Amino acid sequence: MSGRSDSFSPLSPAAHDEHGHRPDLEFASEPDRPARADERILEEVSASLAADVALDASRIEVSVVDGDVRLTGFVDTAAQKREARNRARRPFGVRRVRNDLRIMVPGEPIATETGQ
């Protein structure tokens, strides 16, 4: 058991189509290493962040490329930054998480990505 608390199981019969294939999987260059569709990972990470009442998910941007998740935006505390990273790691198919979230300092203006 991996210790993951989500209810999705890759062995669940409901997770396979009538031919025994996982509809949300795409195969990487090596056929024995399936890679999950980035769109599906993005949906699950975003939903997980939105489900946490302690996080303001509207201030967090999520992007996924080849199973690598990147978090950008702002949180209020280091604990929220860690929790966002932990939630981003959970979905099946996530290879790595790059946590570029910034902790807001009270009274400091929010800088844009272009520095303006």
PDB file of N, CA and C in Angstrom:
ATOM      1  N   MET A   1       0.850  -1.180   0.000  1.00  0.00           N
ATOM      2  CA  MET A   1       0.000   0.000   0.000  1.00  0.00           C
ATOM      3  C   MET A   1       0.885   1.229   0.000  1.00  0.00           C
ATOM      4  N   SER A   2       0.568   2.191  -0.830  1.00  0.00           N
ATOM      5  CA  SER A   2       1.422   3.359  -1.001  1.00  0.00           C
ATOM      6  C   SER A   2       1.158   4.456   0.010  1.00  0.00           C
ATOM      7  N   GLY A   3       0.087   4.347   0.789  1.00  0.00           N
ATOM      8  CA  GLY A   3      -0.221   5.381   1.758  1.00  0.00           C
ATOM      9  C   GLY A   3      -1.036   6.512   1.171  1.00  0.00           C
ATOM     10  N   ARG A   4      -1.399   6.412  -0.104  1.00  0.00           N
ATOM     11  CA  ARG A   4      -2.206   7.450  -0.727  1.00  0.00           C
ATOM     12  C   ARG A   4      -3.622   7.326  -0.238  1.00  0.00           C
ATOM     13  N   SER A   5      -4.263   8.469  -0.011  1.00  0.00           N
ATOM     14  CA  SER A   5      -5.598   8.456   0.561  1.00  0.00           C
ATOM     15  C   SER A   5      -6.693   8.609  -0.476  1.00  0.00           C
ATOM     16  N   ASP A   6      -6.321   8.799  -1.756  1.00  0.00           N
ATOM     17  CA  ASP A   6      -7.366   8.970  -2.751  1.00  0.00           C
ATOM     18  C   ASP A   6      -8.048   7.639  -3.029  1.00  0.00           C
ATOM     19  N   SER A   7      -9.251   7.694  -3.577  1.00  0.00           N
ATOM     20  CA  SER A   7     -10.035   6.489  -3.767  1.00  0.00           C
ATOM     21  C   SER A   7      -9.806   5.852  -5.126  1.00  0.00           C
ATOM     22  N   PHE A   8      -9.036   6.468  -6.006  1.00  0.00           N
ATOM     23  CA  PHE A   8      -8.793   5.912  -7.324  1.00  0.00           C
ATOM     24  C   PHE A   8      -7.805   4.769  -7.229  1.00  0.00           C
ATOM     25  N   SER A   9      -8.127   3.660  -7.853  1.00  0.00           N
ATOM     26  CA  SER A   9      -7.218   2.525  -7.898  1.00  0.00           C
ATOM     27  C   SER A   9      -6.957   2.161  -9.346  1.00  0.00           C
ATOM     28  N   PRO A  10      -5.695   2.087  -9.775  1.00  0.00           N
ATOM     29  CA  PRO A  10      -5.413   1.732 -11.153  1.00  0.00           C
ATOM     30  C   PRO A  10      -5.850   0.312 -11.491  1.00  0.00           C
ATOM     31  N   LEU A  11      -6.138  -0.500 -10.486  1.00  0.00           N
ATOM     32  CA  LEU A  11      -6.581  -1.865 -10.715  1.00  0.00           C
ATOM     33  C   LEU A  11      -8.094  -1.990 -10.689  1.00  0.00           C
ATOM     34  N   SER A  12      -8.778  -0.915 -10.428  1.00  0.00           N
ATOM     35  CA  SER A  12     -10.226  -0.921 -10.364  1.00  0.00           C
ATOM     36  C   SER A  12     -10.818  -1.285 -11.710  1.00  0.00           C
ATOM     37  N   PRO A  13     -11.775  -2.233 -11.765  1.00  0.00           N
ATOM     38  CA  PRO A  13     -12.379  -2.599 -13.044  1.00  0.00           C
ATOM     39  C   PRO A  13     -13.048  -1.412 -13.731  1.00  0.00           C
ATOM     40  N   ALA A  14     -13.572  -0.463 -12.987  1.00  0.00           N
ATOM     41  CA  ALA A  14     -14.241   0.691 -13.566  1.00  0.00           C
ATOM     42  C   ALA A  14     -13.262   1.604 -14.293  1.00  0.00           C
ATOM     43  N   ALA A  15     -11.977   1.461 -13.996  1.00  0.00           N
ATOM     44  CA  ALA A  15     -10.971   2.320 -14.606  1.00  0.00           C
ATOM     45  C   ALA A  15     -10.565   1.823 -15.988  1.00  0.00           C
ATOM     46  N   HIS A  16     -11.112   0.701 -16.452  1.00  0.00           N
ATOM     47  CA  HIS A  16     -10.752   0.123 -17.737  1.00  0.00           C
ATOM     48  C   HIS A  16     -11.957   0.099 -18.663  1.00  0.00           C
ATOM     49  N   ASP A  17     -11.709   0.208 -19.982  1.00  0.00           N
ATOM     50  CA  ASP A  17     -12.811   0.100 -20.934  1.00  0.00           C
ATOM     51  C   ASP A  17     -13.104  -1.374 -21.209  1.00  0.00           C
ATOM     52  N   GLU A  18     -14.008  -1.643 -22.152  1.00  0.00           N
ATOM     53  CA  GLU A  18     -14.422  -3.017 -22.414  1.00  0.00           C
ATOM     54  C   GLU A  18     -13.300  -3.884 -22.982  1.00  0.00           C
ATOM     55  N   HIS A  19     -12.217  -3.270 -23.442  1.00  0.00           N
ATOM     56  CA  HIS A  19     -11.081  -4.012 -23.970  1.00  0.00           C
ATOM     57  C   HIS A  19      -9.970  -4.169 -22.933  1.00  0.00           C
ATOM     58  N   GLY A  20     -10.219  -3.700 -21.729  1.00  0.00           N
ATOM     59  CA  GLY A  20      -9.219  -3.800 -20.667  1.00  0.00           C
ATOM     60  C   GLY A  20      -8.201  -2.690 -20.678  1.00  0.00           C
ATOM     61  N   HIS A  21      -8.430  -1.637 -21.475  1.00  0.00           N
ATOM     62  CA  HIS A  21      -7.498  -0.514 -21.550  1.00  0.00           C
ATOM     63  C   HIS A  21      -7.926   0.607 -20.630  1.00  0.00           C
ATOM     64  N   ARG A  22      -6.963   1.334 -20.125  1.00  0.00           N
ATOM     65  CA  ARG A  22      -7.232   2.519 -19.318  1.00  0.00           C
ATOM     66  C   ARG A  22      -7.475   3.678 -20.267  1.00  0.00           C
ATOM     67  N   PRO A  23      -8.671   4.254 -20.315  1.00  0.00           N
ATOM     68  CA  PRO A  23      -8.947   5.328 -21.265  1.00  0.00           C
ATOM     69  C   PRO A  23      -8.177   6.617 -21.003  1.00  0.00           C
ATOM     70  N   ASP A  24      -7.680   6.827 -19.785  1.00  0.00           N
ATOM     71  CA  ASP A  24      -6.978   8.068 -19.487  1.00  0.00           C
ATOM     72  C   ASP A  24      -5.458   7.920 -19.561  1.00  0.00           C
ATOM     73  N   LEU A  25      -4.984   6.832 -20.163  1.00  0.00           N
ATOM     74  CA  LEU A  25      -3.543   6.620 -20.287  1.00  0.00           C
ATOM     75  C   LEU A  25      -3.099   6.749 -21.736  1.00  0.00           C
ATOM     76  N   GLU A  26      -1.951   7.339 -21.917  1.00  0.00           N
ATOM     77  CA  GLU A  26      -1.295   7.346 -23.210  1.00  0.00           C
ATOM     78  C   GLU A  26       0.059   6.695 -22.983  1.00  0.00           C
ATOM     79  N   PHE A  27       0.552   5.969 -23.948  1.00  0.00           N
ATOM     80  CA  PHE A  27       1.827   5.310 -23.759  1.00  0.00           C
ATOM     81  C   PHE A  27       2.969   6.223 -24.139  1.00  0.00           C
ATOM     82  N   ALA A  28       3.982   6.220 -23.290  1.00  0.00           N
ATOM     83  CA  ALA A  28       5.193   6.987 -23.553  1.00  0.00           C
ATOM     84  C   ALA A  28       5.988   6.260 -24.631  1.00  0.00           C
ATOM     85  N   SER A  29       7.192   6.717 -24.893  1.00  0.00           N
ATOM     86  CA  SER A  29       8.000   6.103 -25.941  1.00  0.00           C
ATOM     87  C   SER A  29       8.302   4.641 -25.631  1.00  0.00           C
ATOM     88  N   GLU A  30       8.323   4.281 -24.369  1.00  0.00           N
ATOM     89  CA  GLU A  30       8.513   2.890 -23.988  1.00  0.00           C
ATOM     90  C   GLU A  30       7.141   2.311 -23.666  1.00  0.00           C
ATOM     91  N   PRO A  31       6.667   1.285 -24.404  1.00  0.00           N
ATOM     92  CA  PRO A  31       5.310   0.791 -24.220  1.00  0.00           C
ATOM     93  C   PRO A  31       5.015   0.246 -22.828  1.00  0.00           C
ATOM     94  N   ASP A  32       6.030  -0.173 -22.095  1.00  0.00           N
ATOM     95  CA  ASP A  32       5.772  -0.707 -20.762  1.00  0.00           C
ATOM     96  C   ASP A  32       5.727   0.380 -19.693  1.00  0.00           C
ATOM     97  N   ARG A  33       5.891   1.657 -20.090  1.00  0.00           N
ATOM     98  CA  ARG A  33       5.815   2.778 -19.149  1.00  0.00           C
ATOM     99  C   ARG A  33       4.685   3.707 -19.562  1.00  0.00           C
ATOM    100  N   PRO A  34       3.468   3.423 -19.108  1.00  0.00           N
ATOM    101  CA  PRO A  34       2.365   4.302 -19.498  1.00  0.00           C
ATOM    102  C   PRO A  34       2.496   5.674 -18.853  1.00  0.00           C
ATOM    103  N   ALA A  35       2.117   6.696 -19.609  1.00  0.00           N
ATOM    104  CA  ALA A  35       2.113   8.063 -19.105  1.00  0.00           C
ATOM    105  C   ALA A  35       0.669   8.539 -19.106  1.00  0.00           C
ATOM    106  N   ARG A  36       0.237   9.097 -18.039  1.00  0.00           N
ATOM    107  CA  ARG A  36      -1.132   9.568 -17.931  1.00  0.00           C
ATOM    108  C   ARG A  36      -1.293  10.878 -18.688  1.00  0.00           C
ATOM    109  N   ALA A  37      -2.449  11.078 -19.267  1.00  0.00           N
ATOM    110  CA  ALA A  37      -2.713  12.296 -20.025  1.00  0.00           C
ATOM    111  C   ALA A  37      -2.557  13.517 -19.130  1.00  0.00           C
ATOM    112  N   ASP A  38      -1.825  14.509 -19.615  1.00  0.00           N
ATOM    113  CA  ASP A  38      -1.571  15.731 -18.851  1.00  0.00           C
ATOM    114  C   ASP A  38      -2.869  16.429 -18.459  1.00  0.00           C
ATOM    115  N   GLU A  39      -3.866  16.412 -19.344  1.00  0.00           N
ATOM    116  CA  GLU A  39      -5.140  17.076 -19.054  1.00  0.00           C
ATOM    117  C   GLU A  39      -5.814  16.456 -17.835  1.00  0.00           C
ATOM    118  N   ARG A  40      -5.733  15.130 -17.737  1.00  0.00           N
ATOM    119  CA  ARG A  40      -6.353  14.431 -16.602  1.00  0.00           C
ATOM    120  C   ARG A  40      -5.611  14.763 -15.307  1.00  0.00           C
ATOM    121  N   ILE A  41      -4.290  14.799 -15.365  1.00  0.00           N
ATOM    122  CA  ILE A  41      -3.496  15.160 -14.184  1.00  0.00           C
ATOM    123  C   ILE A  41      -3.837  16.587 -13.769  1.00  0.00           C
ATOM    124  N   LEU A  42      -3.916  17.501 -14.740  1.00  0.00           N
ATOM    125  CA  LEU A  42      -4.254  18.898 -14.455  1.00  0.00           C
ATOM    126  C   LEU A  42      -5.603  18.998 -13.757  1.00  0.00           C
ATOM    127  N   GLU A  43      -6.598  18.254 -14.243  1.00  0.00           N
ATOM    128  CA  GLU A  43      -7.924  18.266 -13.620  1.00  0.00           C
ATOM    129  C   GLU A  43      -7.870  17.796 -12.168  1.00  0.00           C
ATOM    130  N   GLU A  44      -7.149  16.697 -11.928  1.00  0.00           N
ATOM    131  CA  GLU A  44      -7.095  16.143 -10.573  1.00  0.00           C
ATOM    132  C   GLU A  44      -6.320  17.034  -9.609  1.00  0.00           C
ATOM    133  N   VAL A  45      -5.211  17.595 -10.059  1.00  0.00           N
ATOM    134  CA  VAL A  45      -4.433  18.494  -9.192  1.00  0.00           C
ATOM    135  C   VAL A  45      -5.272  19.733  -8.870  1.00  0.00           C
ATOM    136  N   SER A  46      -5.891  20.325  -9.882  1.00  0.00           N
ATOM    137  CA  SER A  46      -6.703  21.524  -9.675  1.00  0.00           C
ATOM    138  C   SER A  46      -7.864  21.250  -8.727  1.00  0.00           C
ATOM    139  N   ALA A  47      -8.533  20.107  -8.900  1.00  0.00           N
ATOM    140  CA  ALA A  47      -9.652  19.749  -8.026  1.00  0.00           C
ATOM    141  C   ALA A  47      -9.180  19.535  -6.592  1.00  0.00           C
ATOM    142  N   SER A  48      -8.025  18.916  -6.435  1.00  0.00           N
ATOM    143  CA  SER A  48      -7.487  18.673  -5.098  1.00  0.00           C
ATOM    144  C   SER A  48      -7.139  19.980  -4.396  1.00  0.00           C
ATOM    145  N   LEU A  49      -6.541  20.919  -5.131  1.00  0.00           N
ATOM    146  CA  LEU A  49      -6.213  22.220  -4.536  1.00  0.00           C
ATOM    147  C   LEU A  49      -7.492  22.970  -4.165  1.00  0.00           C
ATOM    148  N   ALA A  50      -8.497  22.926  -5.031  1.00  0.00           N
ATOM    149  CA  ALA A  50      -9.755  23.626  -4.766  1.00  0.00           C
ATOM    150  C   ALA A  50     -10.506  23.020  -3.583  1.00  0.00           C
ATOM    151  N   ALA A  51     -10.312  21.729  -3.327  1.00  0.00           N
ATOM    152  CA  ALA A  51     -11.007  21.055  -2.232  1.00  0.00           C
ATOM    153  C   ALA A  51     -10.439  21.409  -0.858  1.00  0.00           C
ATOM    154  N   ASP A  52      -9.256  21.973  -0.819  1.00  0.00           N
ATOM    155  CA  ASP A  52      -8.624  22.332   0.452  1.00  0.00           C
ATOM    156  C   ASP A  52      -9.087  23.731   0.856  1.00  0.00           C
ATOM    157  N   VAL A  53      -9.880  23.798   1.908  1.00  0.00           N
ATOM    158  CA  VAL A  53     -10.429  25.090   2.342  1.00  0.00           C
ATOM    159  C   VAL A  53      -9.353  26.038   2.874  1.00  0.00           C
ATOM    160  N   ALA A  54      -8.192  25.502   3.228  1.00  0.00           N
ATOM    161  CA  ALA A  54      -7.121  26.352   3.745  1.00  0.00           C
ATOM    162  C   ALA A  54      -6.332  27.035   2.625  1.00  0.00           C
ATOM    163  N   LEU A  55      -6.525  26.591   1.378  1.00  0.00           N
ATOM    164  CA  LEU A  55      -5.812  27.171   0.245  1.00  0.00           C
ATOM    165  C   LEU A  55      -6.768  28.017  -0.587  1.00  0.00           C
ATOM    166  N   ASP A  56      -6.285  29.119  -1.113  1.00  0.00           N
ATOM    167  CA  ASP A  56      -7.054  29.914  -2.070  1.00  0.00           C
ATOM    168  C   ASP A  56      -6.579  29.492  -3.455  1.00  0.00           C
ATOM    169  N   ALA A  57      -7.253  28.488  -4.021  1.00  0.00           N
ATOM    170  CA  ALA A  57      -6.830  27.918  -5.300  1.00  0.00           C
ATOM    171  C   ALA A  57      -6.914  28.922  -6.446  1.00  0.00           C
ATOM    172  N   SER A  58      -7.671  29.998  -6.264  1.00  0.00           N
ATOM    173  CA  SER A  58      -7.771  31.002  -7.322  1.00  0.00           C
ATOM    174  C   SER A  58      -6.455  31.762  -7.506  1.00  0.00           C
ATOM    175  N   ARG A  59      -5.556  31.654  -6.532  1.00  0.00           N
ATOM    176  CA  ARG A  59      -4.256  32.323  -6.633  1.00  0.00           C
ATOM    177  C   ARG A  59      -3.143  31.364  -7.041  1.00  0.00           C
ATOM    178  N   ILE A  60      -3.517  30.123  -7.398  1.00  0.00           N
ATOM    179  CA  ILE A  60      -2.532  29.113  -7.770  1.00  0.00           C
ATOM    180  C   ILE A  60      -2.783  28.672  -9.204  1.00  0.00           C
ATOM    181  N   GLU A  61      -1.749  28.766 -10.024  1.00  0.00           N
ATOM    182  CA  GLU A  61      -1.808  28.297 -11.412  1.00  0.00           C
ATOM    183  C   GLU A  61      -1.131  26.934 -11.479  1.00  0.00           C
ATOM    184  N   VAL A  62      -1.741  26.015 -12.216  1.00  0.00           N
ATOM    185  CA  VAL A  62      -1.197  24.673 -12.379  1.00  0.00           C
ATOM    186  C   VAL A  62      -0.954  24.426 -13.858  1.00  0.00           C
ATOM    187  N   SER A  63       0.212  23.916 -14.185  1.00  0.00           N
ATOM    188  CA  SER A  63       0.487  23.486 -15.555  1.00  0.00           C
ATOM    189  C   SER A  63       1.115  22.098 -15.493  1.00  0.00           C
ATOM    190  N   VAL A  64       0.883  21.311 -16.544  1.00  0.00           N
ATOM    191  CA  VAL A  64       1.408  19.947 -16.596  1.00  0.00           C
ATOM    192  C   VAL A  64       1.967  19.699 -17.992  1.00  0.00           C
ATOM    193  N   VAL A  65       3.204  19.224 -18.036  1.00  0.00           N
ATOM    194  CA  VAL A  65       3.839  18.843 -19.292  1.00  0.00           C
ATOM    195  C   VAL A  65       4.527  17.506 -19.072  1.00  0.00           C
ATOM    196  N   ASP A  66       4.108  16.505 -19.811  1.00  0.00           N
ATOM    197  CA  ASP A  66       4.690  15.161 -19.721  1.00  0.00           C
ATOM    198  C   ASP A  66       4.711  14.625 -18.289  1.00  0.00           C
ATOM    199  N   GLY A  67       3.660  14.889 -17.539  1.00  0.00           N
ATOM    200  CA  GLY A  67       3.558  14.392 -16.171  1.00  0.00           C
ATOM    201  C   GLY A  67       4.273  15.232 -15.138  1.00  0.00           C
ATOM    202  N   ASP A  68       4.969  16.277 -15.577  1.00  0.00           N
ATOM    203  CA  ASP A  68       5.653  17.181 -14.657  1.00  0.00           C
ATOM    204  C   ASP A  68       4.717  18.342 -14.338  1.00  0.00           C
ATOM    205  N   VAL A  69       4.395  18.513 -13.066  1.00  0.00           N
ATOM    206  CA  VAL A  69       3.465  19.544 -12.616  1.00  0.00           C
ATOM    207  C   VAL A  69       4.254  20.760 -12.148  1.00  0.00           C
ATOM    208  N   ARG A  70       3.785  21.949 -12.522  1.00  0.00           N
ATOM    209  CA  ARG A  70       4.385  23.198 -12.045  1.00  0.00           C
ATOM    210  C   ARG A  70       3.305  24.026 -11.369  1.00  0.00           C
ATOM    211  N   LEU A  71       3.589  24.464 -10.159  1.00  0.00           N
ATOM    212  CA  LEU A  71       2.695  25.332  -9.396  1.00  0.00           C
ATOM    213  C   LEU A  71       3.294  26.732  -9.364  1.00  0.00           C
ATOM    214  N   THR A  72       2.495  27.733  -9.733  1.00  0.00           N
ATOM    215  CA  THR A  72       2.921  29.122  -9.643  1.00  0.00           C
ATOM    216  C   THR A  72       1.796  29.915  -8.995  1.00  0.00           C
ATOM    217  N   GLY A  73       2.134  31.062  -8.477  1.00  0.00           N
ATOM    218  CA  GLY A  73       1.146  31.913  -7.831  1.00  0.00           C
ATOM    219  C   GLY A  73       1.554  32.221  -6.411  1.00  0.00           C
ATOM    220  N   PHE A  74       0.542  32.448  -5.569  1.00  0.00           N
ATOM    221  CA  PHE A  74       0.809  32.922  -4.212  1.00  0.00           C
ATOM    222  C   PHE A  74       0.016  32.156  -3.166  1.00  0.00           C
ATOM    223  N   VAL A  75       0.640  31.963  -2.013  1.00  0.00           N
ATOM    224  CA  VAL A  75      -0.014  31.410  -0.819  1.00  0.00           C
ATOM    225  C   VAL A  75       0.361  32.302   0.355  1.00  0.00           C
ATOM    226  N   ASP A  76      -0.304  32.094   1.487  1.00  0.00           N
ATOM    227  CA  ASP A  76      -0.058  32.940   2.652  1.00  0.00           C
ATOM    228  C   ASP A  76       1.033  32.427   3.583  1.00  0.00           C
ATOM    229  N   THR A  77       1.260  31.103   3.583  1.00  0.00           N
ATOM    230  CA  THR A  77       2.212  30.541   4.548  1.00  0.00           C
ATOM    231  C   THR A  77       3.050  29.433   3.914  1.00  0.00           C
ATOM    232  N   ALA A  78       4.148  29.102   4.572  1.00  0.00           N
ATOM    233  CA  ALA A  78       4.989  27.985   4.128  1.00  0.00           C
ATOM    234  C   ALA A  78       4.225  26.671   4.231  1.00  0.00           C
ATOM    235  N   ALA A  79       3.366  26.548   5.235  1.00  0.00           N
ATOM    236  CA  ALA A  79       2.565  25.328   5.387  1.00  0.00           C
ATOM    237  C   ALA A  79       1.628  25.149   4.193  1.00  0.00           C
ATOM    238  N   GLN A  80       1.042  26.245   3.706  1.00  0.00           N
ATOM    239  CA  GLN A  80       0.178  26.157   2.534  1.00  0.00           C
ATOM    240  C   GLN A  80       0.981  25.776   1.289  1.00  0.00           C
ATOM    241  N   LYS A  81       2.188  26.276   1.192  1.00  0.00           N
ATOM    242  CA  LYS A  81       3.055  25.934   0.066  1.00  0.00           C
ATOM    243  C   LYS A  81       3.363  24.438   0.075  1.00  0.00           C
ATOM    244  N   ARG A  82       3.680  23.900   1.254  1.00  0.00           N
ATOM    245  CA  ARG A  82       3.940  22.460   1.383  1.00  0.00           C
ATOM    246  C   ARG A  82       2.696  21.636   1.069  1.00  0.00           C
ATOM    247  N   GLU A  83       1.545  22.069   1.557  1.00  0.00           N
ATOM    248  CA  GLU A  83       0.304  21.330   1.320  1.00  0.00           C
ATOM    249  C   GLU A  83      -0.049  21.322  -0.158  1.00  0.00           C
ATOM    250  N   ALA A  84       0.138  22.434  -0.837  1.00  0.00           N
ATOM    251  CA  ALA A  84      -0.123  22.486  -2.280  1.00  0.00           C
ATOM    252  C   ALA A  84       0.784  21.493  -3.012  1.00  0.00           C
ATOM    253  N   ARG A  85       2.059  21.463  -2.643  1.00  0.00           N
ATOM    254  CA  ARG A  85       2.993  20.512  -3.247  1.00  0.00           C
ATOM    255  C   ARG A  85       2.560  19.082  -2.982  1.00  0.00           C
ATOM    256  N   ASN A  86       2.179  18.783  -1.748  1.00  0.00           N
ATOM    257  CA  ASN A  86       1.759  17.430  -1.403  1.00  0.00           C
ATOM    258  C   ASN A  86       0.517  17.011  -2.187  1.00  0.00           C
ATOM    259  N   ARG A  87      -0.437  17.922  -2.333  1.00  0.00           N
ATOM    260  CA  ARG A  87      -1.646  17.619  -3.103  1.00  0.00           C
ATOM    261  C   ARG A  87      -1.329  17.425  -4.574  1.00  0.00           C
ATOM    262  N   ALA A  88      -0.371  18.172  -5.095  1.00  0.00           N
ATOM    263  CA  ALA A  88       0.010  18.052  -6.506  1.00  0.00           C
ATOM    264  C   ALA A  88       0.714  16.731  -6.791  1.00  0.00           C
ATOM    265  N   ARG A  89       1.334  16.137  -5.802  1.00  0.00           N
ATOM    266  CA  ARG A  89       2.051  14.865  -5.974  1.00  0.00           C
ATOM    267  C   ARG A  89       1.123  13.658  -6.035  1.00  0.00           C
ATOM    268  N   ARG A  90      -0.087  13.776  -5.496  1.00  0.00           N
ATOM    269  CA  ARG A  90      -0.956  12.619  -5.288  1.00  0.00           C
ATOM    270  C   ARG A  90      -1.504  11.940  -6.536  1.00  0.00           C
ATOM    271  N   PRO A  91      -1.953  12.663  -7.546  1.00  0.00           N
ATOM    272  CA  PRO A  91      -2.587  11.971  -8.670  1.00  0.00           C
ATOM    273  C   PRO A  91      -1.649  11.003  -9.380  1.00  0.00           C
ATOM    274  N   PHE A  92      -2.225   9.902  -9.807  1.00  0.00           N
ATOM    275  CA  PHE A  92      -1.486   8.910 -10.568  1.00  0.00           C
ATOM    276  C   PHE A  92      -0.953   9.557 -11.848  1.00  0.00           C
ATOM    277  N   GLY A  93       0.300   9.309 -12.173  1.00  0.00           N
ATOM    278  CA  GLY A  93       0.893   9.829 -13.391  1.00  0.00           C
ATOM    279  C   GLY A  93       1.806  11.017 -13.177  1.00  0.00           C
ATOM    280  N   VAL A  94       1.767  11.627 -11.994  1.00  0.00           N
ATOM    281  CA  VAL A  94       2.648  12.766 -11.719  1.00  0.00           C
ATOM    282  C   VAL A  94       4.067  12.245 -11.558  1.00  0.00           C
ATOM    283  N   ARG A  95       4.976  12.799 -12.357  1.00  0.00           N
ATOM    284  CA  ARG A  95       6.381  12.396 -12.266  1.00  0.00           C
ATOM    285  C   ARG A  95       7.140  13.270 -11.280  1.00  0.00           C
ATOM    286  N   ARG A  96       6.978  14.587 -11.426  1.00  0.00           N
ATOM    287  CA  ARG A  96       7.679  15.540 -10.562  1.00  0.00           C
ATOM    288  C   ARG A  96       6.765  16.735 -10.325  1.00  0.00           C
ATOM    289  N   VAL A  97       7.049  17.458  -9.235  1.00  0.00           N
ATOM    290  CA  VAL A  97       6.338  18.702  -8.960  1.00  0.00           C
ATOM    291  C   VAL A  97       7.365  19.804  -8.777  1.00  0.00           C
ATOM    292  N   ARG A  98       7.204  20.860  -9.549  1.00  0.00           N
ATOM    293  CA  ARG A  98       8.043  22.055  -9.387  1.00  0.00           C
ATOM    294  C   ARG A  98       7.184  23.090  -8.676  1.00  0.00           C
ATOM    295  N   ASN A  99       7.550  23.380  -7.450  1.00  0.00           N
ATOM    296  CA  ASN A  99       6.746  24.273  -6.616  1.00  0.00           C
ATOM    297  C   ASN A  99       7.346  25.675  -6.653  1.00  0.00           C
ATOM    298  N   ASP A 100       6.812  26.502  -7.553  1.00  0.00           N
ATOM    299  CA  ASP A 100       7.264  27.885  -7.674  1.00  0.00           C
ATOM    300  C   ASP A 100       6.294  28.852  -6.995  1.00  0.00           C
ATOM    301  N   LEU A 101       5.514  28.340  -6.039  1.00  0.00           N
ATOM    302  CA  LEU A 101       4.599  29.220  -5.297  1.00  0.00           C
ATOM    303  C   LEU A 101       5.415  30.182  -4.447  1.00  0.00           C
ATOM    304  N   ARG A 102       4.903  31.402  -4.322  1.00  0.00           N
ATOM    305  CA  ARG A 102       5.558  32.411  -3.492  1.00  0.00           C
ATOM    306  C   ARG A 102       4.688  32.714  -2.289  1.00  0.00           C
ATOM    307  N   ILE A 103       5.335  32.935  -1.173  1.00  0.00           N
ATOM    308  CA  ILE A 103       4.624  33.277   0.057  1.00  0.00           C
ATOM    309  C   ILE A 103       4.439  34.783   0.092  1.00  0.00           C
ATOM    310  N   MET A 104       3.184  35.200   0.225  1.00  0.00           N
ATOM    311  CA  MET A 104       2.887  36.632   0.256  1.00  0.00           C
ATOM    312  C   MET A 104       3.315  37.234   1.579  1.00  0.00           C
ATOM    313  N   VAL A 105       3.931  38.373   1.502  1.00  0.00           N
ATOM    314  CA  VAL A 105       4.312  39.128   2.684  1.00  0.00           C
ATOM    315  C   VAL A 105       3.256  40.215   2.876  1.00  0.00           C
ATOM    316  N   PRO A 106       2.647  40.306   4.073  1.00  0.00           N
ATOM    317  CA  PRO A 106       1.616  41.326   4.287  1.00  0.00           C
ATOM    318  C   PRO A 106       2.127  42.723   3.932  1.00  0.00           C
ATOM    319  N   GLY A 107       1.325  43.436   3.158  1.00  0.00           N
ATOM    320  CA  GLY A 107       1.675  44.789   2.763  1.00  0.00           C
ATOM    321  C   GLY A 107       2.524  44.888   1.517  1.00  0.00           C
ATOM    322  N   GLU A 108       3.045  43.757   1.037  1.00  0.00           N
ATOM    323  CA  GLU A 108       3.876  43.779  -0.162  1.00  0.00           C
ATOM    324  C   GLU A 108       2.981  43.620  -1.387  1.00  0.00           C
ATOM    325  N   PRO A 109       3.159  44.450  -2.402  1.00  0.00           N
ATOM    326  CA  PRO A 109       2.330  44.323  -3.604  1.00  0.00           C
ATOM    327  C   PRO A 109       2.650  43.041  -4.354  1.00  0.00           C
ATOM    328  N   ILE A 110       1.655  42.510  -5.037  1.00  0.00           N
ATOM    329  CA  ILE A 110       1.855  41.290  -5.818  1.00  0.00           C
ATOM    330  C   ILE A 110       2.542  41.652  -7.123  1.00  0.00           C
ATOM    331  N   ALA A 111       3.687  41.047  -7.375  1.00  0.00           N
ATOM    332  CA  ALA A 111       4.410  41.280  -8.627  1.00  0.00           C
ATOM    333  C   ALA A 111       3.866  40.356  -9.683  1.00  0.00           C
ATOM    334  N   THR A 112       3.808  40.812 -10.916  1.00  0.00           N
ATOM    335  CA  THR A 112       3.368  39.960 -12.010  1.00  0.00           C
ATOM    336  C   THR A 112       4.541  39.139 -12.510  1.00  0.00           C
ATOM    337  N   GLU A 113       4.262  38.173 -13.373  1.00  0.00           N
ATOM    338  CA  GLU A 113       5.315  37.333 -13.937  1.00  0.00           C
ATOM    339  C   GLU A 113       6.337  38.162 -14.715  1.00  0.00           C
ATOM    340  N   THR A 114       5.922  39.306 -15.290  1.00  0.00           N
ATOM    341  CA  THR A 114       6.843  40.124 -16.057  1.00  0.00           C
ATOM    342  C   THR A 114       7.594  41.120 -15.188  1.00  0.00           C
ATOM    343  N   GLY A 115       7.278  41.117 -13.880  1.00  0.00           N
ATOM    344  CA  GLY A 115       7.989  41.984 -12.955  1.00  0.00           C
ATOM    345  C   GLY A 115       7.441  43.370 -12.867  1.00  0.00           C
ATOM    346  N   GLN A 116       6.270  43.601 -13.437  1.00  0.00           N
ATOM    347  CA  GLN A 116       5.675  44.950 -13.427  1.00  0.00           C
ATOM    348  C   GLN A 116       4.739  45.109 -12.265  1.00  0.00           C
TER     349      GLN A 116
END
